């Protein structure tokens, strides 16, 4: 995903810089639109996760990304391969700094959003563990609380 984004950015940058004359705002806008169409720098984001997180947009975005990691690929394979200590459900191992690369969160934003999702709404479980010798977060979805919140929010959305 990062390579495709860099390619789209590089092409747009070269196009803008490759013009030997002063570029007009309209030409620059057209260049931007081409970049926008080709860029893979996106995140699928479901608004229901914001509502499940009490209206907190950052927590909702983080939840959306966590859900992404727990959904199977088109081939039916799972993206997470670790299991909770009781071997009952999958866990996502993530270094806090990885969220910056993935969704542009600062460490403070990661910590606050994790607290909202785990402590305030009990939608996820987070524990510290070591992976490759370094501290990381082991994240699992609290399925009962998640499905309950999801169902309640779907019900409220349908009643509007």
Protein backbone atom coordinates (compact mmCIF):
# COMPACT_ATOMS: atom_id res chain seq x y z
CA UNK A 1 0.00 0.00 0.00
CA UNK A 2 2.81 2.45 0.84
CA UNK A 3 4.63 1.73 -2.45
CA UNK A 4 1.53 2.48 -4.53
CA UNK A 5 1.02 5.73 -2.62
CA UNK A 6 4.64 6.77 -3.12
CA UNK A 7 4.34 6.00 -6.84
CA UNK A 8 1.19 8.14 -7.17
CA UNK A 9 2.86 10.94 -5.19
CA UNK A 10 6.07 10.67 -7.23
CA UNK A 11 4.17 10.84 -10.51
CA UNK A 12 2.18 13.86 -9.35
CA UNK A 13 5.34 15.56 -8.09
CA UNK A 14 7.17 14.89 -11.37
CA UNK A 15 4.21 16.17 -13.38
CA UNK A 16 4.04 19.38 -11.35
CA UNK A 17 7.82 19.91 -11.45
CA UNK A 18 8.18 18.75 -15.05
CA UNK A 19 6.29 21.73 -16.39
CA UNK A 20 8.80 24.33 -17.55
CA UNK A 21 6.31 27.11 -17.27
CA UNK A 22 4.38 28.45 -14.37
CA UNK A 23 1.53 26.07 -13.63
CA UNK A 24 -1.97 27.47 -13.25
CA UNK A 25 -4.16 26.69 -10.27
CA UNK A 26 -6.54 24.81 -12.58
CA UNK A 27 -3.67 22.67 -13.93
CA UNK A 28 -2.47 22.01 -10.39
CA UNK A 29 -6.03 21.01 -9.44
CA UNK A 30 -6.18 18.59 -12.38
CA UNK A 31 -2.87 17.12 -11.26
CA UNK A 32 -4.27 16.70 -7.76
CA UNK A 33 -7.41 14.99 -9.11
CA UNK A 34 -5.25 12.49 -11.04
CA UNK A 35 -3.28 11.78 -7.87
CA UNK A 36 -6.50 11.43 -5.85
CA UNK A 37 -7.86 8.89 -8.33
CA UNK A 38 -4.68 6.77 -8.27
CA UNK A 39 -3.73 7.03 -4.61
CA UNK A 40 -4.04 3.94 -2.45
CA UNK A 41 -3.55 6.05 0.68
CA UNK A 42 -7.01 5.27 2.07
CA UNK A 43 -8.66 3.60 5.03
CA UNK A 44 -12.07 1.94 4.92
CA UNK A 45 -13.90 3.63 7.75
CA UNK A 46 -17.38 2.72 8.94
CA UNK A 47 -19.16 5.50 10.80
CA UNK A 48 -20.99 3.00 13.01
CA UNK A 49 -17.71 2.43 14.88
CA UNK A 50 -17.65 6.09 15.89
CA UNK A 51 -21.16 5.74 17.31
CA UNK A 52 -20.15 2.51 19.09
CA UNK A 53 -17.27 4.47 20.67
CA UNK A 54 -19.62 7.11 22.06
CA UNK A 55 -19.08 9.59 19.21
CA UNK A 56 -15.29 9.60 19.56
CA UNK A 57 -13.95 9.86 15.99
CA UNK A 58 -10.39 8.78 16.83
CA UNK A 59 -11.56 5.78 18.84
CA UNK A 60 -13.97 4.90 16.03
CA UNK A 61 -11.18 5.08 13.45
CA UNK A 62 -8.95 2.89 15.60
CA UNK A 63 -11.80 0.41 16.10
CA UNK A 64 -12.40 0.36 12.36
CA UNK A 65 -8.76 -0.51 11.76
CA UNK A 66 -8.74 -3.14 14.50
CA UNK A 67 -11.81 -4.75 12.92
CA UNK A 68 -9.99 -4.70 9.58
CA UNK A 69 -7.20 -6.80 11.07
CA UNK A 70 -9.70 -9.33 12.42
CA UNK A 71 -11.60 -9.80 9.16
CA UNK A 72 -10.56 -12.50 6.68
CA UNK A 73 -8.94 -11.72 3.34
CA UNK A 74 -10.71 -12.37 0.04
CA UNK A 75 -9.17 -15.86 0.15
CA UNK A 76 -10.66 -16.53 3.59
CA UNK A 77 -7.31 -16.36 5.39
CA UNK A 78 -7.01 -14.46 8.65
CA UNK A 79 -4.59 -11.57 9.03
CA UNK A 80 -3.97 -12.31 12.72
CA UNK A 81 -2.14 -15.50 13.65
CA UNK A 82 -1.61 -15.11 17.40
CA UNK A 83 -4.01 -16.48 20.00
CA UNK A 84 -4.91 -15.22 23.47
CA UNK A 85 -3.13 -17.04 26.32
CA UNK A 86 -6.18 -19.29 26.76
CA UNK A 87 -6.07 -20.07 22.98
CA UNK A 88 -9.71 -19.10 22.59
CA UNK A 89 -9.53 -16.19 20.20
CA UNK A 90 -7.16 -14.40 17.85
CA UNK A 91 -5.01 -11.51 18.99
CA UNK A 92 -3.44 -8.70 17.02
CA UNK A 93 0.12 -7.85 18.02
CA UNK A 94 0.92 -4.20 17.32
CA UNK A 95 3.63 -1.85 18.43
CA UNK A 96 2.14 1.49 19.47
CA UNK A 97 4.31 3.30 16.90
CA UNK A 98 2.83 1.14 14.10
CA UNK A 99 -0.48 2.96 14.43
CA UNK A 100 1.28 6.14 13.30
CA UNK A 101 2.28 4.50 10.02
CA UNK A 102 -1.13 2.92 9.58
CA UNK A 103 -3.57 5.67 10.61
CA UNK A 104 -1.37 8.69 11.49
CA UNK A 105 -2.02 8.53 15.25
CA UNK A 106 0.45 9.96 17.74
CA UNK A 107 1.35 7.76 20.73
CA UNK A 108 -0.93 9.87 22.94
CA UNK A 109 -3.82 9.43 20.52
CA UNK A 110 -3.25 5.66 20.41
CA UNK A 111 -3.22 5.44 24.20
CA UNK A 112 -6.34 7.56 24.62
CA UNK A 113 -8.31 5.75 21.90
CA UNK A 114 -7.26 2.35 23.29
CA UNK A 115 -8.51 3.45 26.71
CA UNK A 116 -11.86 4.55 25.26
CA UNK A 117 -12.31 1.25 23.45
CA UNK A 118 -11.05 -1.01 26.24
CA UNK A 119 -11.94 0.73 29.49
CA UNK A 120 -14.84 3.04 28.67
CA UNK A 121 -16.73 0.72 26.28
CA UNK A 122 -15.09 -2.70 26.84
CA UNK A 123 -15.13 -3.37 23.07
CA UNK A 124 -11.54 -4.63 23.00
CA UNK A 125 -9.07 -6.23 25.37
CA UNK A 126 -5.50 -4.93 25.45
CA UNK A 127 -2.58 -6.50 27.23
CA UNK A 128 1.14 -5.94 27.06
CA UNK A 129 3.33 -8.69 25.72
CA UNK A 130 6.66 -9.15 24.00
CA UNK A 131 7.04 -9.88 20.32
CA UNK A 132 10.48 -10.37 18.79
CA UNK A 133 11.92 -9.23 22.13
CA UNK A 134 10.09 -5.88 22.15
CA UNK A 135 7.07 -4.70 24.14
CA UNK A 136 3.89 -4.55 22.09
CA UNK A 137 0.15 -4.54 22.57
CA UNK A 138 -1.84 -7.74 22.20
CA UNK A 139 -5.34 -6.69 21.13
CA UNK A 140 -8.42 -8.87 20.95
CA UNK A 141 -12.04 -8.02 20.32
CA UNK A 142 -14.41 -8.52 23.24
CA UNK A 143 -16.92 -10.28 20.98
CA UNK A 144 -19.91 -10.19 23.33
CA UNK A 145 -19.61 -6.47 24.07
CA UNK A 146 -18.74 -5.67 20.46
CA UNK A 147 -21.70 -7.56 18.99
CA UNK A 148 -24.03 -6.13 21.64
CA UNK A 149 -22.91 -2.55 20.86
CA UNK A 150 -23.02 -3.20 17.11
CA UNK A 151 -26.53 -4.67 17.30
CA UNK A 152 -27.80 -1.81 19.49
CA UNK A 153 -26.34 0.77 17.14
CA UNK A 154 -27.80 -0.97 14.07
CA UNK A 155 -31.18 -1.02 15.81
CA UNK A 156 -30.95 2.70 16.64
CA UNK A 157 -29.85 3.51 13.08
CA UNK A 158 -32.83 1.63 11.64
CA UNK A 159 -35.25 3.49 13.89
CA UNK A 160 -34.14 6.90 12.57
